[in-house]
C-alpha atoms as a PDB file:
ATOM      1  CA  MET A   1      10.731  30.806 -15.071  1.00  0.00           C
ATOM      2  CA  ALA A   2       6.997  30.604 -14.409  1.00  0.00           C
ATOM      3  CA  ASN A   3       6.770  27.493 -16.579  1.00  0.00           C
ATOM      4  CA  SER A   4       9.555  25.862 -14.557  1.00  0.00           C
ATOM      5  CA  SER A   5       7.753  26.657 -11.310  1.00  0.00           C
ATOM      6  CA  ASP A   6       4.458  25.351 -12.637  1.00  0.00           C
ATOM      7  CA  HIS A   7       6.145  22.128 -13.761  1.00  0.00           C
ATOM      8  CA  ARG A   8       7.715  21.662 -10.287  1.00  0.00           C
ATOM      9  CA  ASP A   9       4.391  22.257  -8.531  1.00  0.00           C
ATOM     10  CA  SER A  10       2.570  19.849 -10.860  1.00  0.00           C
ATOM     11  CA  PHE A  11       5.274  17.193 -10.379  1.00  0.00           C
ATOM     12  CA  LEU A  12       5.194  17.543  -6.577  1.00  0.00           C
ATOM     13  CA  THR A  13       1.404  17.330  -6.488  1.00  0.00           C
ATOM     14  CA  LEU A  14       1.406  14.135  -8.523  1.00  0.00           C
ATOM     15  CA  ILE A  15       4.039  12.567  -6.277  1.00  0.00           C
ATOM     16  CA  ALA A  16       2.036  13.617  -3.232  1.00  0.00           C
ATOM     17  CA  TYR A  17      -1.079  11.888  -4.559  1.00  0.00           C
ATOM     18  CA  HIS A  18       0.945   8.762  -5.303  1.00  0.00           C
ATOM     19  CA  GLU A  19       2.386   8.492  -1.779  1.00  0.00           C
ATOM     20  CA  ALA A  20      -0.903   9.528  -0.155  1.00  0.00           C
ATOM     21  CA  GLY A  21      -2.585   6.695  -2.049  1.00  0.00           C
ATOM     22  CA  HIS A  22      -0.210   4.148  -0.534  1.00  0.00           C
ATOM     23  CA  ALA A  23      -0.762   5.562   2.941  1.00  0.00           C
ATOM     24  CA  VAL A  24      -4.552   5.655   2.811  1.00  0.00           C
ATOM     25  CA  VAL A  25      -4.908   2.095   1.508  1.00  0.00           C
ATOM     26  CA  ALA A  26      -2.371   0.822   4.099  1.00  0.00           C
ATOM     27  CA  HIS A  27      -4.401   2.544   6.832  1.00  0.00           C
ATOM     28  CA  TYR A  28      -7.649   1.081   5.447  1.00  0.00           C
ATOM     29  CA  TYR A  29      -6.185  -2.430   5.818  1.00  0.00           C
ATOM     30  CA  GLN A  30      -5.049  -1.555   9.369  1.00  0.00           C
ATOM     31  CA  ARG A  31      -1.330  -1.416   8.634  1.00  0.00           C
ATOM     32  CA  LYS A  32       0.152   1.502  10.564  1.00  0.00           C
ATOM     33  CA  VAL A  33       1.919   4.167   8.492  1.00  0.00           C
ATOM     34  CA  PHE A  34       5.188   5.346  10.090  1.00  0.00           C
ATOM     35  CA  ASP A  35       6.585   7.779   7.592  1.00  0.00           C
ATOM     36  CA  ILE A  36       5.739   9.535   4.303  1.00  0.00           C
ATOM     37  CA  ARG A  37       8.172  11.612   2.279  1.00  0.00           C
ATOM     38  CA  ILE A  38       8.179  13.367  -1.080  1.00  0.00           C
ATOM     39  CA  SER A  39      11.175  15.046  -2.707  1.00  0.00           C
ATOM     40  CA  ASP A  40      11.083  18.157  -4.850  1.00  0.00           C
ATOM     41  CA  GLN A  41      13.792  16.601  -7.056  1.00  0.00           C
ATOM     42  CA  GLU A  42      12.573  14.600 -10.064  1.00  0.00           C
ATOM     43  CA  ASN A  43      14.983  11.764  -9.206  1.00  0.00           C
ATOM     44  CA  GLY A  44      14.697  12.221  -5.463  1.00  0.00           C
ATOM     45  CA  ASP A  45      13.521   9.677  -2.920  1.00  0.00           C
ATOM     46  CA  ASN A  46       9.803   9.363  -2.275  1.00  0.00           C
ATOM     47  CA  TRP A  47       8.355   6.791   0.059  1.00  0.00           C
ATOM     48  CA  VAL A  48       5.730   5.526   2.460  1.00  0.00           C
ATOM     49  CA  VAL A  49       6.713   3.210   5.316  1.00  0.00           C
ATOM     50  CA  PRO A  50       3.704   1.023   6.264  1.00  0.00           C
ATOM     51  CA  ALA A  51       3.767  -1.875   8.722  1.00  0.00           C
ATOM     52  CA  PRO A  52       4.415  -5.203   7.017  1.00  0.00           C
ATOM     53  CA  CYS A  53       2.014  -8.139   6.875  1.00  0.00           C
ATOM     54  CA  PRO A  54       0.969  -9.094  10.412  1.00  0.00           C
ATOM     55  CA  PRO A  55       1.883 -12.554  11.688  1.00  0.00           C
ATOM     56  CA  VAL A  56      -0.600 -15.101  10.413  1.00  0.00           C
ATOM     57  CA  GLY A  57      -1.117 -16.178  14.020  1.00  0.00           C
ATOM     58  CA  ASN A  58      -2.857 -12.862  14.677  1.00  0.00           C
ATOM     59  CA  ARG A  59      -5.787 -14.154  12.626  1.00  0.00           C
ATOM     60  CA  ALA A  60      -5.449 -17.909  13.176  1.00  0.00           C
ATOM     61  CA  ASP A  61      -4.307 -18.312  16.756  1.00  0.00           C
ATOM     62  CA  GLY A  62      -3.781 -21.987  17.619  1.00  0.00           C
ATOM     63  CA  VAL A  63      -4.274 -23.187  14.054  1.00  0.00           C
ATOM     64  CA  THR A  64      -1.464 -25.470  12.920  1.00  0.00           C
ATOM     65  CA  ASP A  65      -2.964 -26.920   9.746  1.00  0.00           C
ATOM     66  CA  LEU A  66      -1.187 -25.181   6.856  1.00  0.00           C
ATOM     67  CA  ARG A  67      -4.132 -25.743   4.509  1.00  0.00           C
ATOM     68  CA  THR A  68      -6.378 -23.841   6.919  1.00  0.00           C
ATOM     69  CA  VAL A  69      -3.903 -20.993   7.223  1.00  0.00           C
ATOM     70  CA  TRP A  70      -3.226 -20.757   3.496  1.00  0.00           C
ATOM     71  CA  PRO A  71      -6.238 -18.552   2.575  1.00  0.00           C
ATOM     72  CA  ILE A  72      -5.080 -16.053   5.200  1.00  0.00           C
ATOM     73  CA  VAL A  73      -1.583 -16.009   3.677  1.00  0.00           C
ATOM     74  CA  VAL A  74      -3.128 -15.405   0.248  1.00  0.00           C
ATOM     75  CA  GLU A  75      -5.304 -12.576   1.549  1.00  0.00           C
ATOM     76  CA  GLU A  76      -2.426 -10.818   3.321  1.00  0.00           C
ATOM     77  CA  THR A  77      -0.338 -11.091   0.157  1.00  0.00           C
ATOM     78  CA  LEU A  78      -3.134  -9.514  -1.882  1.00  0.00           C
ATOM     79  CA  VAL A  79      -3.394  -6.708   0.707  1.00  0.00           C
ATOM     80  CA  THR A  80       0.336  -6.027   0.422  1.00  0.00           C
ATOM     81  CA  CYS A  81      -0.044  -5.937  -3.372  1.00  0.00           C
ATOM     82  CA  ALA A  82      -3.044  -3.600  -3.182  1.00  0.00           C
ATOM     83  CA  ILE A  83      -1.038  -1.182  -1.022  1.00  0.00           C
ATOM     84  CA  ALA A  84       1.731  -1.277  -3.631  1.00  0.00           C
ATOM     85  CA  ALA A  85      -0.790  -0.594  -6.404  1.00  0.00           C
ATOM     86  CA  ALA A  86      -2.444   2.258  -4.524  1.00  0.00           C
ATOM     87  CA  GLY A  87       0.042   4.890  -5.607  1.00  0.00           C
ATOM     88  CA  ILE A  88      -0.702   4.358  -9.287  1.00  0.00           C
ATOM     89  CA  ALA A  89      -4.420   4.126  -8.525  1.00  0.00           C
ATOM     90  CA  ALA A  90      -4.342   7.507  -6.775  1.00  0.00           C
ATOM     91  CA  GLU A  91      -2.461   9.112  -9.661  1.00  0.00           C
ATOM     92  CA  SER A  92      -4.939   7.572 -12.090  1.00  0.00           C
ATOM     93  CA  LEU A  93      -7.960   8.995 -10.210  1.00  0.00           C
ATOM     94  CA  TYR A  94      -6.335  12.401  -9.774  1.00  0.00           C
ATOM     95  CA  LEU A  95      -5.371  12.719 -13.447  1.00  0.00           C
ATOM     96  CA  ARG A  96      -8.453  10.835 -14.727  1.00  0.00           C
ATOM     97  CA  ILE A  97      -6.200   8.590 -16.785  1.00  0.00           C
ATOM     98  CA  PRO A  98      -6.613   4.749 -16.905  1.00  0.00           C
ATOM     99  CA  MET A  99      -4.126   2.859 -14.710  1.00  0.00           C
ATOM    100  CA  THR A 100      -2.991   0.901 -17.740  1.00  0.00           C
ATOM    101  CA  LYS A 101      -1.342   4.092 -19.035  1.00  0.00           C
ATOM    102  CA  PHE A 102       1.160   4.115 -16.158  1.00  0.00           C
ATOM    103  CA  SER A 103       4.421   2.178 -16.166  1.00  0.00           C
ATOM    104  CA  GLY A 104       4.125   1.158 -12.510  1.00  0.00           C
ATOM    105  CA  GLY A 105       7.921   0.907 -12.019  1.00  0.00           C
ATOM    106  CA  GLU A 106       8.986  -0.238  -8.560  1.00  0.00           C
ATOM    107  CA  ASP A 107       5.400  -0.675  -7.345  1.00  0.00           C
ATOM    108  CA  TYR A 108       4.678  -3.288  -9.993  1.00  0.00           C
ATOM    109  CA  GLU A 109       8.001  -4.978  -9.172  1.00  0.00           C
ATOM    110  CA  ILE A 110       6.827  -5.315  -5.550  1.00  0.00           C
ATOM    111  CA  ILE A 111       3.547  -6.854  -6.738  1.00  0.00           C
ATOM    112  CA  LEU A 112       5.312  -9.322  -9.012  1.00  0.00           C
ATOM    113  CA  ARG A 113       7.768 -10.301  -6.281  1.00  0.00           C
ATOM    114  CA  GLN A 114       4.939 -10.888  -3.766  1.00  0.00           C
ATOM    115  CA  ILE A 115       3.026 -13.132  -6.185  1.00  0.00           C
ATOM    116  CA  LYS A 116       6.180 -15.089  -7.098  1.00  0.00           C
ATOM    117  CA  GLU A 117       7.003 -15.625  -3.414  1.00  0.00           C
ATOM    118  CA  LEU A 118       3.437 -16.840  -2.768  1.00  0.00           C
ATOM    119  CA  GLU A 119       3.654 -19.331  -5.590  1.00  0.00           C
ATOM    120  CA  PHE A 120       7.130 -20.483  -4.512  1.00  0.00           C
ATOM    121  CA  ILE A 121       5.776 -21.276  -1.060  1.00  0.00           C
ATOM    122  CA  ARG A 122       2.764 -23.109  -2.448  1.00  0.00           C
ATOM    123  CA  LYS A 123       4.761 -25.201  -4.909  1.00  0.00           C
ATOM    124  CA  ASN A 124       7.490 -26.121  -2.425  1.00  0.00           C
ATOM    125  CA  THR A 125       5.349 -26.963   0.582  1.00  0.00           C
ATOM    126  CA  PRO A 126       4.087 -30.574   0.365  1.00  0.00           C
ATOM    127  CA  ALA A 127       1.250 -29.880   2.851  1.00  0.00           C
ATOM    128  CA  LEU A 128      -0.156 -27.291   0.424  1.00  0.00           C
ATOM    129  CA  LYS A 129      -0.481 -29.655  -2.540  1.00  0.00           C
ATOM    130  CA  GLY A 130      -3.895 -29.320  -4.098  1.00  0.00           C
ATOM    131  CA  VAL A 131      -4.970 -26.181  -2.216  1.00  0.00           C
ATOM    132  CA  ASP A 132      -7.428 -23.826  -3.839  1.00  0.00           C
ATOM    133  CA  THR A 133      -5.647 -21.653  -6.398  1.00  0.00           C
ATOM    134  CA  ASN A 134      -8.673 -19.684  -7.621  1.00  0.00           C
ATOM    135  CA  TYR A 135      -6.899 -16.515  -6.432  1.00  0.00           C
ATOM    136  CA  GLN A 136      -4.668 -16.835  -9.517  1.00  0.00           C
ATOM    137  CA  LYS A 137      -7.602 -16.145 -11.826  1.00  0.00           C
ATOM    138  CA  GLY A 138      -7.687 -12.412 -12.460  1.00  0.00           C
ATOM    139  CA  ALA A 139      -5.247 -11.793  -9.613  1.00  0.00           C
ATOM    140  CA  LEU A 140      -3.738  -8.682 -11.236  1.00  0.00           C
ATOM    141  CA  SER A 141      -7.136  -7.174 -11.973  1.00  0.00           C
ATOM    142  CA  GLU A 142      -8.201  -7.854  -8.374  1.00  0.00           C
ATOM    143  CA  ILE A 143      -5.037  -6.194  -7.031  1.00  0.00           C
ATOM    144  CA  LEU A 144      -5.503  -3.090  -9.180  1.00  0.00           C
ATOM    145  CA  LEU A 145      -9.193  -2.871  -8.335  1.00  0.00           C
ATOM    146  CA  ARG A 146      -8.803  -3.061  -4.585  1.00  0.00           C
ATOM    147  CA  PRO A 147      -7.303   0.424  -4.004  1.00  0.00           C
ATOM    148  CA  CYS A 148      -9.862   1.962  -6.379  1.00  0.00           C
ATOM    149  CA  LYS A 149     -12.663   0.387  -4.289  1.00  0.00           C
ATOM    150  CA  VAL A 150     -11.081   1.864  -1.160  1.00  0.00           C
ATOM    151  CA  PHE A 151     -10.885   5.354  -2.684  1.00  0.00           C
ATOM    152  CA  ASN A 152     -14.490   5.105  -3.821  1.00  0.00           C
ATOM    153  CA  LYS A 153     -15.771   4.439  -0.325  1.00  0.00           C
ATOM    154  CA  GLU A 154     -17.628   7.348   1.184  1.00  0.00           C
ATOM    155  CA  ASN A 155     -15.296  10.233   2.140  1.00  0.00           C
ATOM    156  CA  THR A 156     -12.108   8.142   1.743  1.00  0.00           C
ATOM    157  CA  TRP A 157     -10.722  10.303  -1.085  1.00  0.00           C
ATOM    158  CA  ARG A 158     -10.942  13.253   1.285  1.00  0.00           C
ATOM    159  CA  TYR A 159      -8.253  11.635   3.417  1.00  0.00           C
ATOM    160  CA  VAL A 160      -6.006  11.260   0.377  1.00  0.00           C
ATOM    161  CA  GLU A 161      -6.386  14.996  -0.215  1.00  0.00           C
ATOM    162  CA  ARG A 162      -5.641  15.755   3.426  1.00  0.00           C
ATOM    163  CA  ILE A 163      -2.318  13.983   3.185  1.00  0.00           C
ATOM    164  CA  VAL A 164      -1.544  15.591  -0.147  1.00  0.00           C
ATOM    165  CA  GLY A 165      -2.155  19.052   1.317  1.00  0.00           C
ATOM    166  CA  ALA A 166       0.084  18.336   4.292  1.00  0.00           C
ATOM    167  CA  LEU A 167       2.880  16.894   2.134  1.00  0.00           C
ATOM    168  CA  LEU A 168       2.883  19.945  -0.150  1.00  0.00           C
ATOM    169  CA  VAL A 169       3.462  22.099   2.912  1.00  0.00           C
ATOM    170  CA  LYS A 170       6.305  20.192   4.585  1.00  0.00           C
ATOM    171  CA  ASN A 171       7.333  17.228   2.335  1.00  0.00           C
ATOM    172  CA  LYS A 172       7.652  14.762   5.222  1.00  0.00           C
ATOM    173  CA  LEU A 173       5.087  13.378   7.674  1.00  0.00           C
ATOM    174  CA  HIS A 174       5.789  11.227  10.712  1.00  0.00           C
ATOM    175  CA  GLN A 175       3.550   8.643  12.351  1.00  0.00           C
ATOM    176  CA  THR A 176       1.680  10.978  14.717  1.00  0.00           C
ATOM    177  CA  GLU A 177       0.983  13.465  11.935  1.00  0.00           C
ATOM    178  CA  VAL A 178      -0.305  10.733   9.622  1.00  0.00           C
ATOM    179  CA  GLU A 179      -2.528   9.335  12.370  1.00  0.00           C
ATOM    180  CA  ARG A 180      -3.994  12.781  13.010  1.00  0.00           C
ATOM    181  CA  LEU A 181      -4.727  13.315   9.325  1.00  0.00           C
ATOM    182  CA  LEU A 182      -6.414   9.908   9.038  1.00  0.00           C
ATOM    183  CA  THR A 183      -8.469  10.204  12.237  1.00  0.00           C
ATOM    184  CA  GLY A 184     -12.059   9.164  11.547  1.00  0.00           C
ATOM    185  CA  MET A 185     -11.353   7.234   8.358  1.00  0.00           C
ATOM    186  CA  ALA A 186     -13.158   3.886   8.059  1.00  0.00           C
ATOM    187  CA  VAL A 187     -10.988   0.753   8.052  1.00  0.00           C
ATOM    188  CA  ASP A 188     -11.511  -2.877   7.079  1.00  0.00           C
ATOM    189  CA  GLY A 189     -12.559  -4.528  10.359  1.00  0.00           C
ATOM    190  CA  LYS A 190     -11.806  -8.004   9.005  1.00  0.00           C
ATOM    191  CA  GLN A 191      -8.082  -7.281   8.902  1.00  0.00           C
ATOM    192  CA  ALA A 192      -5.694  -7.975  11.792  1.00  0.00           C
ATOM    193  CA  PRO A 193      -3.919  -4.740  12.783  1.00  0.00           C
ATOM    194  CA  SER A 194      -0.225  -4.581  12.036  1.00  0.00           C
ATOM    195  CA  GLU A 195       1.597  -1.987  14.089  1.00  0.00           C
ATOM    196  CA  LEU A 196       5.301  -2.945  14.096  1.00  0.00           C
ATOM    197  CA  PRO A 197       7.590  -1.047  11.698  1.00  0.00           C
ATOM    198  CA  PRO A 198       9.583  -2.943   9.068  1.00  0.00           C
ATOM    199  CA  LEU A 199      12.978  -4.124  10.341  1.00  0.00           C
ATOM    200  CA  ASN A 200      14.959  -1.829   8.068  1.00  0.00           C
ATOM    201  CA  PHE A 201      12.939   1.157   9.325  1.00  0.00           C
ATOM    202  CA  GLN A 202      13.593   0.093  12.970  1.00  0.00           C
ATOM    203  CA  PHE A 203      17.320  -0.016  12.260  1.00  0.00           C
ATOM    204  CA  ASP A 204      17.203   3.486  10.727  1.00  0.00           C
ATOM    205  CA  LEU A 205      15.481   4.787  13.903  1.00  0.00           C
ATOM    206  CA  GLU A 206      18.136   3.208  16.102  1.00  0.00           C
ATOM    207  CA  LEU A 207      21.107   4.583  14.139  1.00  0.00           C
END
């Protein structure tokens, strides 16, 4: 019985680090976090609901040239991918195991989908013909490295542990609770804040 309890506690702690990783990196890139949940069931639902990519116009107001806007689109895509990779990165740091040892699952599927969508847009938009594609070189390494760099910033890991501690107490955190736990954490000032919840999350709130 004790072994079963230990296994459950270890499992929950790992899941908490995973979801806390997503939340902290989303907050660093100024994407508001609306909801975090972990389940004590091994096949239960665990999630973080961050704000989606902000409208490109928030960082390029008045710019209509697609080639000028394109680097911003690339950067926001890489941010979205870094947030997706942050769960595995947090697990990796907590367990002291290389990220390459993790399967990635749904998080890696999100990353792959984002990169495919970016390339689809580039290849099917005549105005983007010949744009700089240097972001393709080592893109995956860059994506996996970004959350690790965030966690290694001074005191940032402490905020991961704050969220982990709170999740292990009550399993679900709402926006105001997340904001309180992340108060004082440094953010990337170059990023445009994104504060609207995803559409599917808005619908859930209205139902």
